[in-house]
Amino acid sequence: LGRDYLEVGRYLDFVFPVLKVRYISVNDNYDSNNFTGATGGMEVAVKNVINMMYSRDASKKVRSARTTLAKAGKFIGPQAPYGYKRSESDKQKLVIDEEAAQVVRLIFEMAIDGKKYKQIARYLNANNIDTRVQYKEKHGKKWNHPRNYEIKQWSATAVMNILFNEIYTGTLVQGKTTSPNHKVKKTVVKPQSEWARTENAHEPIIAHAQFDLVQKLMLDDTRSPSGATGVHPFSGKIYCADCGSPMVRRVSRCGDKEYAYFICGGNKSDKTS
């Protein structure tokens, strides 16, 4: 019935009697009609405790084994990330999936050219490039994604997840989340100091210099004047003389004319240019 002796006892003592359910366990030689006032009999109660201890011990061993593999630079994820596939000779090692890797490189190139998440997503959709889910399914693999719309089109979030994923530089970062114990399904984020990080774990798709540049461009205000394309020439070059925060570019319109000015990014109430 279960491995949590407290929960099993609650069902046998309270839930089943209230619902007038007769519970029979053939292997335990237990019939609820023959027991009154006892939690499934002493034998059943002891077995429930043993089952719970076995489940807890198995969970600890699995966690320990996965942690050891992650620290050794082995890929322990359920599915290979977009742009990679599992090696035929070693299922815990990633190798480049060249067809998908070309799309990853294109996304990074567009980001370096000054395109934002939505612009990149629109381009991918306009050119009928398969999404991550569609690509997996076309190659005979299922990818259960919580957002069904991503099956049909690229989203800004999907693009952002690729641009900020270090795995494309050959760096494997695992063990970011955990759960308090085997009974609790809700996951919590672990401190970065506890993450399993392995440099050069597999062949990179994107060079470190490209990746670092994209991170800077995505965080900076790179907007160009209306109608212009590419990265603004002052991007990442103007800082507040008082606090050192990056200056944020703003645009206002007066009649037919457009004026650009910069404000301190560290002071949200600062309206001076």
C-alpha atoms as a PDB file:
ATOM      1  CA  LEU A   1       0.000   0.000   0.000  1.00  0.00           C
ATOM      2  CA  GLY A   2       2.838   2.411   0.789  1.00  0.00           C
ATOM      3  CA  ARG A   3       6.251   3.054   2.306  1.00  0.00           C
ATOM      4  CA  ASP A   4       5.228   5.804   4.716  1.00  0.00           C
ATOM      5  CA  TYR A   5       4.122   3.983   7.860  1.00  0.00           C
ATOM      6  CA  LEU A   6       2.374   7.054   9.273  1.00  0.00           C
ATOM      7  CA  GLU A   7       0.335   7.580   6.102  1.00  0.00           C
ATOM      8  CA  VAL A   8      -0.478   3.867   5.786  1.00  0.00           C
ATOM      9  CA  GLY A   9      -1.593   3.774   9.406  1.00  0.00           C
ATOM     10  CA  ARG A  10      -3.850   6.796   8.835  1.00  0.00           C
ATOM     11  CA  TYR A  11      -5.524   5.087   5.911  1.00  0.00           C
ATOM     12  CA  LEU A  12      -5.997   1.790   7.763  1.00  0.00           C
ATOM     13  CA  ASP A  13      -7.234   3.380  10.989  1.00  0.00           C
ATOM     14  CA  PHE A  14      -9.244   6.371   9.770  1.00  0.00           C
ATOM     15  CA  VAL A  15      -9.782   6.707   6.013  1.00  0.00           C
ATOM     16  CA  PHE A  16     -10.826   3.157   5.116  1.00  0.00           C
ATOM     17  CA  PRO A  17     -13.179   2.663   8.100  1.00  0.00           C
ATOM     18  CA  VAL A  18     -14.949   5.980   7.407  1.00  0.00           C
ATOM     19  CA  LEU A  19     -15.390   5.088   3.734  1.00  0.00           C
ATOM     20  CA  LYS A  20     -16.372   1.520   4.668  1.00  0.00           C
ATOM     21  CA  VAL A  21     -13.526   0.094   2.613  1.00  0.00           C
ATOM     22  CA  ARG A  22     -12.361  -3.430   3.361  1.00  0.00           C
ATOM     23  CA  TYR A  23      -8.611  -3.690   2.813  1.00  0.00           C
ATOM     24  CA  ILE A  24      -6.986  -7.087   2.180  1.00  0.00           C
ATOM     25  CA  SER A  25      -3.249  -7.678   1.783  1.00  0.00           C
ATOM     26  CA  VAL A  26      -2.642 -11.258   0.659  1.00  0.00           C
ATOM     27  CA  ASN A  27       1.145 -11.283   1.124  1.00  0.00           C
ATOM     28  CA  ASP A  28       0.834  -9.846   4.649  1.00  0.00           C
ATOM     29  CA  ASN A  29      -2.075 -12.129   5.526  1.00  0.00           C
ATOM     30  CA  TYR A  30      -4.035  -9.045   6.551  1.00  0.00           C
ATOM     31  CA  ASP A  31      -7.778  -8.437   6.395  1.00  0.00           C
ATOM     32  CA  SER A  32      -9.177  -5.252   7.921  1.00  0.00           C
ATOM     33  CA  ASN A  33     -12.319  -7.142   8.982  1.00  0.00           C
ATOM     34  CA  ASN A  34     -10.201  -9.194  11.399  1.00  0.00           C
ATOM     35  CA  PHE A  35      -8.456  -6.230  13.043  1.00  0.00           C
ATOM     36  CA  THR A  36     -10.081  -3.692  15.338  1.00  0.00           C
ATOM     37  CA  GLY A  37      -8.340  -0.961  17.274  1.00  0.00           C
ATOM     38  CA  ALA A  38      -4.850  -1.859  16.016  1.00  0.00           C
ATOM     39  CA  THR A  39      -2.920  -0.213  13.224  1.00  0.00           C
ATOM     40  CA  GLY A  40      -3.027  -3.088  10.775  1.00  0.00           C
ATOM     41  CA  GLY A  41      -1.607  -5.452  13.307  1.00  0.00           C
ATOM     42  CA  MET A  42       1.928  -5.364  14.647  1.00  0.00           C
ATOM     43  CA  GLU A  43       3.346  -7.319  11.708  1.00  0.00           C
ATOM     44  CA  VAL A  44       1.951  -4.923   9.098  1.00  0.00           C
ATOM     45  CA  ALA A  45       3.105  -1.880  11.099  1.00  0.00           C
ATOM     46  CA  VAL A  46       6.656  -3.236  11.335  1.00  0.00           C
ATOM     47  CA  LYS A  47       6.718  -4.003   7.609  1.00  0.00           C
ATOM     48  CA  ASN A  48       5.620  -0.453   6.839  1.00  0.00           C
ATOM     49  CA  VAL A  49       8.508   0.938   8.905  1.00  0.00           C
ATOM     50  CA  ILE A  50      10.988  -1.346   7.096  1.00  0.00           C
ATOM     51  CA  ASN A  51       9.590  -0.308   3.706  1.00  0.00           C
ATOM     52  CA  MET A  52      10.015   3.352   4.620  1.00  0.00           C
ATOM     53  CA  MET A  53      13.616   2.805   5.755  1.00  0.00           C
ATOM     54  CA  TYR A  54      14.408   0.923   2.532  1.00  0.00           C
ATOM     55  CA  SER A  55      12.967   3.757   0.415  1.00  0.00           C
ATOM     56  CA  ARG A  56      14.944   6.382   2.348  1.00  0.00           C
ATOM     57  CA  ASP A  57      18.186   4.388   2.077  1.00  0.00           C
ATOM     58  CA  ALA A  58      17.700   3.831  -1.666  1.00  0.00           C
ATOM     59  CA  SER A  59      17.085   7.560  -2.156  1.00  0.00           C
ATOM     60  CA  LYS A  60      20.322   8.462  -0.357  1.00  0.00           C
ATOM     61  CA  LYS A  61      22.315   6.001  -2.463  1.00  0.00           C
ATOM     62  CA  VAL A  62      20.853   7.328  -5.708  1.00  0.00           C
ATOM     63  CA  ARG A  63      21.568  10.946  -4.698  1.00  0.00           C
ATOM     64  CA  SER A  64      25.134  10.050  -3.706  1.00  0.00           C
ATOM     65  CA  ALA A  65      25.770   8.216  -6.983  1.00  0.00           C
ATOM     66  CA  ARG A  66      24.388  11.084  -9.089  1.00  0.00           C
ATOM     67  CA  THR A  67      26.468  13.636  -7.169  1.00  0.00           C
ATOM     68  CA  THR A  68      29.625  11.571  -7.724  1.00  0.00           C
ATOM     69  CA  LEU A  69      28.932  11.303 -11.466  1.00  0.00           C
ATOM     70  CA  ALA A  70      28.206  15.040 -11.758  1.00  0.00           C
ATOM     71  CA  LYS A  71      31.459  15.958  -9.991  1.00  0.00           C
ATOM     72  CA  ALA A  72      33.324  13.625 -12.344  1.00  0.00           C
ATOM     73  CA  GLY A  73      32.004  15.604 -15.324  1.00  0.00           C
ATOM     74  CA  LYS A  74      29.464  12.996 -16.426  1.00  0.00           C
ATOM     75  CA  PHE A  75      26.190  14.233 -17.912  1.00  0.00           C
ATOM     76  CA  ILE A  76      23.325  13.045 -15.685  1.00  0.00           C
ATOM     77  CA  GLY A  77      20.437  14.999 -17.215  1.00  0.00           C
ATOM     78  CA  PRO A  78      17.339  13.167 -18.480  1.00  0.00           C
ATOM     79  CA  GLN A  79      17.795  14.533 -22.030  1.00  0.00           C
ATOM     80  CA  ALA A  80      20.663  16.056 -23.928  1.00  0.00           C
ATOM     81  CA  PRO A  81      20.283  19.842 -24.315  1.00  0.00           C
ATOM     82  CA  TYR A  82      19.413  21.317 -27.692  1.00  0.00           C
ATOM     83  CA  GLY A  83      22.527  21.335 -29.880  1.00  0.00           C
ATOM     84  CA  TYR A  84      23.964  18.187 -28.319  1.00  0.00           C
ATOM     85  CA  LYS A  85      23.261  14.472 -28.223  1.00  0.00           C
ATOM     86  CA  ARG A  86      24.524  11.580 -26.150  1.00  0.00           C
ATOM     87  CA  SER A  87      27.647   9.829 -27.365  1.00  0.00           C
ATOM     88  CA  GLU A  88      27.035   6.361 -28.800  1.00  0.00           C
ATOM     89  CA  SER A  89      30.028   4.968 -26.900  1.00  0.00           C
ATOM     90  CA  ASP A  90      29.355   6.788 -23.601  1.00  0.00           C
ATOM     91  CA  LYS A  91      25.777   7.777 -22.755  1.00  0.00           C
ATOM     92  CA  GLN A  92      27.022  10.129 -20.032  1.00  0.00           C
ATOM     93  CA  LYS A  93      29.080  12.230 -22.448  1.00  0.00           C
ATOM     94  CA  LEU A  94      27.730  14.910 -24.791  1.00  0.00           C
ATOM     95  CA  VAL A  95      28.737  15.308 -28.430  1.00  0.00           C
ATOM     96  CA  ILE A  96      27.696  18.049 -30.864  1.00  0.00           C
ATOM     97  CA  ASP A  97      24.532  17.532 -32.883  1.00  0.00           C
ATOM     98  CA  GLU A  98      25.657  19.561 -35.886  1.00  0.00           C
ATOM     99  CA  GLU A  99      22.204  20.219 -37.337  1.00  0.00           C
ATOM    100  CA  ALA A 100      20.882  21.789 -34.145  1.00  0.00           C
ATOM    101  CA  ALA A 101      24.255  23.355 -33.328  1.00  0.00           C
ATOM    102  CA  GLN A 102      23.970  25.500 -36.464  1.00  0.00           C
ATOM    103  CA  VAL A 103      20.809  27.075 -35.038  1.00  0.00           C
ATOM    104  CA  VAL A 104      22.550  27.690 -31.707  1.00  0.00           C
ATOM    105  CA  ARG A 105      25.417  29.459 -33.494  1.00  0.00           C
ATOM    106  CA  LEU A 106      22.915  31.530 -35.485  1.00  0.00           C
ATOM    107  CA  ILE A 107      21.173  32.637 -32.276  1.00  0.00           C
ATOM    108  CA  PHE A 108      24.472  33.762 -30.746  1.00  0.00           C
ATOM    109  CA  GLU A 109      25.526  35.548 -33.939  1.00  0.00           C
ATOM    110  CA  MET A 110      22.246  37.473 -34.038  1.00  0.00           C
ATOM    111  CA  ALA A 111      22.651  38.412 -30.366  1.00  0.00           C
ATOM    112  CA  ILE A 112      26.163  39.734 -31.070  1.00  0.00           C
ATOM    113  CA  ASP A 113      24.706  41.784 -33.934  1.00  0.00           C
ATOM    114  CA  GLY A 114      22.476  43.533 -31.400  1.00  0.00           C
ATOM    115  CA  LYS A 115      19.251  41.545 -31.797  1.00  0.00           C
ATOM    116  CA  LYS A 116      17.108  40.979 -28.698  1.00  0.00           C
ATOM    117  CA  TYR A 117      15.271  37.809 -27.652  1.00  0.00           C
ATOM    118  CA  LYS A 118      11.977  38.630 -29.381  1.00  0.00           C
ATOM    119  CA  GLN A 119      13.691  39.711 -32.592  1.00  0.00           C
ATOM    120  CA  ILE A 120      15.646  36.458 -32.751  1.00  0.00           C
ATOM    121  CA  ALA A 121      12.515  34.411 -31.999  1.00  0.00           C
ATOM    122  CA  ARG A 122      10.586  36.199 -34.762  1.00  0.00           C
ATOM    123  CA  TYR A 123      13.369  35.503 -37.257  1.00  0.00           C
ATOM    124  CA  LEU A 124      13.469  31.799 -36.371  1.00  0.00           C
ATOM    125  CA  ASN A 125       9.690  31.510 -36.679  1.00  0.00           C
ATOM    126  CA  ALA A 126       9.596  33.466 -39.949  1.00  0.00           C
ATOM    127  CA  ASN A 127      12.171  31.106 -41.441  1.00  0.00           C
ATOM    128  CA  ASN A 128      10.306  27.983 -40.229  1.00  0.00           C
ATOM    129  CA  ILE A 129      13.200  26.739 -38.115  1.00  0.00           C
ATOM    130  CA  ASP A 130      12.079  23.844 -35.919  1.00  0.00           C
ATOM    131  CA  THR A 131      11.779  24.591 -32.215  1.00  0.00           C
ATOM    132  CA  ARG A 132      13.626  22.497 -29.677  1.00  0.00           C
ATOM    133  CA  VAL A 133      10.562  20.322 -29.111  1.00  0.00           C
ATOM    134  CA  GLN A 134       9.827  19.867 -32.816  1.00  0.00           C
ATOM    135  CA  TYR A 135      13.449  18.966 -33.499  1.00  0.00           C
ATOM    136  CA  LYS A 136      13.466  16.321 -30.778  1.00  0.00           C
ATOM    137  CA  GLU A 137      10.206  14.791 -32.005  1.00  0.00           C
ATOM    138  CA  LYS A 138      11.401  14.682 -35.607  1.00  0.00           C
ATOM    139  CA  HIS A 139      14.362  12.640 -34.424  1.00  0.00           C
ATOM    140  CA  GLY A 140      12.153  10.194 -32.547  1.00  0.00           C
ATOM    141  CA  LYS A 141      12.512  11.593 -29.039  1.00  0.00           C
ATOM    142  CA  LYS A 142       9.856  12.889 -26.702  1.00  0.00           C
ATOM    143  CA  TRP A 143      10.393  16.128 -24.804  1.00  0.00           C
ATOM    144  CA  ASN A 144       7.630  16.917 -22.338  1.00  0.00           C
ATOM    145  CA  HIS A 145       7.627  20.695 -22.076  1.00  0.00           C
ATOM    146  CA  PRO A 146       5.265  22.550 -19.690  1.00  0.00           C
ATOM    147  CA  ARG A 147       4.564  25.245 -22.271  1.00  0.00           C
ATOM    148  CA  ASN A 148       2.666  23.713 -25.153  1.00  0.00           C
ATOM    149  CA  TYR A 149       2.981  26.817 -27.331  1.00  0.00           C
ATOM    150  CA  GLU A 150       6.711  26.225 -27.647  1.00  0.00           C
ATOM    151  CA  ILE A 151       5.903  23.174 -29.736  1.00  0.00           C
ATOM    152  CA  LYS A 152       4.552  25.534 -32.414  1.00  0.00           C
ATOM    153  CA  GLN A 153       6.929  28.485 -32.278  1.00  0.00           C
ATOM    154  CA  TRP A 154      10.085  29.900 -30.778  1.00  0.00           C
ATOM    155  CA  SER A 155       9.603  32.177 -27.794  1.00  0.00           C
ATOM    156  CA  ALA A 156      11.780  34.900 -26.289  1.00  0.00           C
ATOM    157  CA  THR A 157      12.223  32.697 -23.224  1.00  0.00           C
ATOM    158  CA  ALA A 158      13.492  29.778 -25.304  1.00  0.00           C
ATOM    159  CA  VAL A 159      16.043  32.050 -26.982  1.00  0.00           C
ATOM    160  CA  MET A 160      17.110  33.519 -23.631  1.00  0.00           C
ATOM    161  CA  ASN A 161      17.624  30.042 -22.134  1.00  0.00           C
ATOM    162  CA  ILE A 162      20.033  29.200 -24.948  1.00  0.00           C
ATOM    163  CA  LEU A 163      21.961  32.480 -24.744  1.00  0.00           C
ATOM    164  CA  PHE A 164      22.533  32.150 -20.994  1.00  0.00           C
ATOM    165  CA  ASN A 165      23.386  28.432 -20.960  1.00  0.00           C
ATOM    166  CA  GLU A 166      27.083  27.824 -20.293  1.00  0.00           C
ATOM    167  CA  ILE A 167      26.835  24.295 -21.619  1.00  0.00           C
ATOM    168  CA  TYR A 168      27.471  25.631 -25.132  1.00  0.00           C
ATOM    169  CA  THR A 169      30.992  26.685 -24.076  1.00  0.00           C
ATOM    170  CA  GLY A 170      31.848  23.118 -23.049  1.00  0.00           C
ATOM    171  CA  THR A 171      31.173  23.822 -19.370  1.00  0.00           C
ATOM    172  CA  LEU A 172      28.893  21.357 -17.593  1.00  0.00           C
ATOM    173  CA  VAL A 173      26.986  22.825 -14.641  1.00  0.00           C
ATOM    174  CA  GLN A 174      24.774  20.334 -12.795  1.00  0.00           C
ATOM    175  CA  GLY A 175      23.137  19.821  -9.421  1.00  0.00           C
ATOM    176  CA  LYS A 176      21.551  23.268  -9.310  1.00  0.00           C
ATOM    177  CA  THR A 177      18.391  22.054  -7.571  1.00  0.00           C
ATOM    178  CA  THR A 178      17.490  19.459  -5.007  1.00  0.00           C
ATOM    179  CA  SER A 179      14.605  18.349  -2.787  1.00  0.00           C
ATOM    180  CA  PRO A 180      14.634  18.171   1.027  1.00  0.00           C
ATOM    181  CA  ASN A 181      14.107  14.390   1.001  1.00  0.00           C
ATOM    182  CA  HIS A 182      12.620  11.548  -1.026  1.00  0.00           C
ATOM    183  CA  LYS A 183       9.100  12.316   0.215  1.00  0.00           C
ATOM    184  CA  VAL A 184       9.066  15.960  -0.898  1.00  0.00           C
ATOM    185  CA  LYS A 185       8.705  16.479  -4.658  1.00  0.00           C
ATOM    186  CA  LYS A 186       9.132  20.271  -4.599  1.00  0.00           C
ATOM    187  CA  THR A 187      12.629  21.321  -5.644  1.00  0.00           C
ATOM    188  CA  VAL A 188      14.720  24.145  -4.226  1.00  0.00           C
ATOM    189  CA  VAL A 189      17.713  25.951  -5.743  1.00  0.00           C
ATOM    190  CA  LYS A 190      21.059  25.083  -4.169  1.00  0.00           C
ATOM    191  CA  PRO A 191      23.771  27.695  -3.477  1.00  0.00           C
ATOM    192  CA  GLN A 192      26.175  28.116  -6.397  1.00  0.00           C
ATOM    193  CA  SER A 193      29.023  26.876  -4.200  1.00  0.00           C
ATOM    194  CA  GLU A 194      27.334  23.445  -4.143  1.00  0.00           C
ATOM    195  CA  TRP A 195      26.845  23.157  -7.911  1.00  0.00           C
ATOM    196  CA  ALA A 196      28.893  20.543  -9.790  1.00  0.00           C
ATOM    197  CA  ARG A 197      30.872  22.558 -12.348  1.00  0.00           C
ATOM    198  CA  THR A 198      33.203  20.934 -14.880  1.00  0.00           C
ATOM    199  CA  GLU A 199      35.192  22.931 -17.429  1.00  0.00           C
ATOM    200  CA  ASN A 200      35.902  21.393 -20.850  1.00  0.00           C
ATOM    201  CA  ALA A 201      33.532  18.512 -20.190  1.00  0.00           C
ATOM    202  CA  HIS A 202      32.646  18.273 -23.891  1.00  0.00           C
ATOM    203  CA  GLU A 203      33.327  19.999 -27.213  1.00  0.00           C
ATOM    204  CA  PRO A 204      32.036  23.595 -27.229  1.00  0.00           C
ATOM    205  CA  ILE A 205      29.634  25.015 -29.805  1.00  0.00           C
ATOM    206  CA  ILE A 206      30.344  28.637 -28.825  1.00  0.00           C
ATOM    207  CA  ALA A 207      33.725  30.108 -27.873  1.00  0.00           C
ATOM    208  CA  HIS A 208      34.037  31.551 -24.363  1.00  0.00           C
ATOM    209  CA  ALA A 209      34.759  35.010 -25.793  1.00  0.00           C
ATOM    210  CA  GLN A 210      31.516  34.949 -27.798  1.00  0.00           C
ATOM    211  CA  PHE A 211      29.526  33.751 -24.821  1.00  0.00           C
ATOM    212  CA  ASP A 212      30.937  36.446 -22.520  1.00  0.00           C
ATOM    213  CA  LEU A 213      30.247  39.137 -25.127  1.00  0.00           C
ATOM    214  CA  VAL A 214      26.619  38.030 -25.463  1.00  0.00           C
ATOM    215  CA  GLN A 215      26.142  38.140 -21.688  1.00  0.00           C
ATOM    216  CA  LYS A 216      27.414  41.720 -21.649  1.00  0.00           C
ATOM    217  CA  LEU A 217      25.278  42.794 -24.592  1.00  0.00           C
ATOM    218  CA  MET A 218      22.142  41.199 -23.170  1.00  0.00           C
ATOM    219  CA  LEU A 219      22.584  43.003 -19.852  1.00  0.00           C
ATOM    220  CA  ASP A 220      23.584  46.371 -21.325  1.00  0.00           C
ATOM    221  CA  ASP A 221      21.211  48.875 -22.903  1.00  0.00           C
ATOM    222  CA  THR A 222      22.052  48.325 -26.568  1.00  0.00           C
ATOM    223  CA  ARG A 223      19.007  49.934 -28.123  1.00  0.00           C
ATOM    224  CA  SER A 224      19.695  51.997 -31.232  1.00  0.00           C
ATOM    225  CA  PRO A 225      17.722  55.033 -32.390  1.00  0.00           C
ATOM    226  CA  SER A 226      14.362  54.307 -33.995  1.00  0.00           C
ATOM    227  CA  GLY A 227      14.698  52.642 -37.372  1.00  0.00           C
ATOM    228  CA  ALA A 228      18.391  51.817 -36.898  1.00  0.00           C
ATOM    229  CA  THR A 229      19.823  48.331 -36.590  1.00  0.00           C
ATOM    230  CA  GLY A 230      22.780  46.859 -34.722  1.00  0.00           C
ATOM    231  CA  VAL A 231      24.354  47.663 -31.364  1.00  0.00           C
ATOM    232  CA  HIS A 232      24.328  51.271 -30.225  1.00  0.00           C
ATOM    233  CA  PRO A 233      27.889  52.731 -30.368  1.00  0.00           C
ATOM    234  CA  PHE A 234      27.674  53.969 -26.744  1.00  0.00           C
ATOM    235  CA  SER A 235      26.582  50.569 -25.407  1.00  0.00           C
ATOM    236  CA  GLY A 236      28.524  49.666 -22.261  1.00  0.00           C
ATOM    237  CA  LYS A 237      30.692  52.802 -22.503  1.00  0.00           C
ATOM    238  CA  ILE A 238      28.803  55.444 -20.488  1.00  0.00           C
ATOM    239  CA  TYR A 239      28.793  55.216 -16.677  1.00  0.00           C
ATOM    240  CA  CYS A 240      27.565  57.463 -13.885  1.00  0.00           C
ATOM    241  CA  ALA A 241      30.368  59.655 -12.515  1.00  0.00           C
ATOM    242  CA  ASP A 242      28.865  59.521  -9.004  1.00  0.00           C
ATOM    243  CA  CYS A 243      28.093  55.839  -8.404  1.00  0.00           C
ATOM    244  CA  GLY A 244      29.695  54.061 -11.367  1.00  0.00           C
ATOM    245  CA  SER A 245      26.432  52.420 -12.546  1.00  0.00           C
ATOM    246  CA  PRO A 246      25.837  52.026 -16.305  1.00  0.00           C
ATOM    247  CA  MET A 247      23.899  54.903 -17.834  1.00  0.00           C
ATOM    248  CA  VAL A 248      20.602  53.872 -19.431  1.00  0.00           C
ATOM    249  CA  ARG A 249      19.607  55.327 -22.789  1.00  0.00           C
ATOM    250  CA  ARG A 250      16.160  56.905 -23.053  1.00  0.00           C
ATOM    251  CA  VAL A 251      14.363  58.380 -26.045  1.00  0.00           C
ATOM    252  CA  SER A 252      11.692  61.094 -26.008  1.00  0.00           C
ATOM    253  CA  ARG A 253       9.785  62.748 -28.830  1.00  0.00           C
ATOM    254  CA  CYS A 254       8.860  66.409 -29.232  1.00  0.00           C
ATOM    255  CA  GLY A 255       6.730  66.972 -32.285  1.00  0.00           C
ATOM    256  CA  ASP A 256       8.487  65.437 -35.264  1.00  0.00           C
ATOM    257  CA  LYS A 257      11.870  65.380 -33.565  1.00  0.00           C
ATOM    258  CA  GLU A 258      13.320  62.599 -31.431  1.00  0.00           C
ATOM    259  CA  TYR A 259      15.786  63.248 -28.608  1.00  0.00           C
ATOM    260  CA  ALA A 260      18.011  60.720 -26.860  1.00  0.00           C
ATOM    261  CA  TYR A 261      19.463  61.137 -23.382  1.00  0.00           C
ATOM    262  CA  PHE A 262      21.088  59.008 -20.679  1.00  0.00           C
ATOM    263  CA  ILE A 263      20.142  58.567 -17.012  1.00  0.00           C
ATOM    264  CA  CYS A 264      21.809  56.765 -14.134  1.00  0.00           C
ATOM    265  CA  GLY A 265      20.836  53.101 -14.133  1.00  0.00           C
ATOM    266  CA  GLY A 266      21.446  52.843 -10.393  1.00  0.00           C
ATOM    267  CA  ASN A 267      19.020  55.586  -9.480  1.00  0.00           C
ATOM    268  CA  LYS A 268      15.504  54.912 -10.760  1.00  0.00           C
ATOM    269  CA  SER A 269      14.257  58.351  -9.683  1.00  0.00           C
ATOM    270  CA  ASP A 270      17.063  60.279 -11.424  1.00  0.00           C
ATOM    271  CA  LYS A 271      15.601  62.230 -14.311  1.00  0.00           C
ATOM    272  CA  THR A 272      18.672  64.298 -15.202  1.00  0.00           C
ATOM    273  CA  SER A 273      20.693  63.547 -18.330  1.00  0.00           C
END
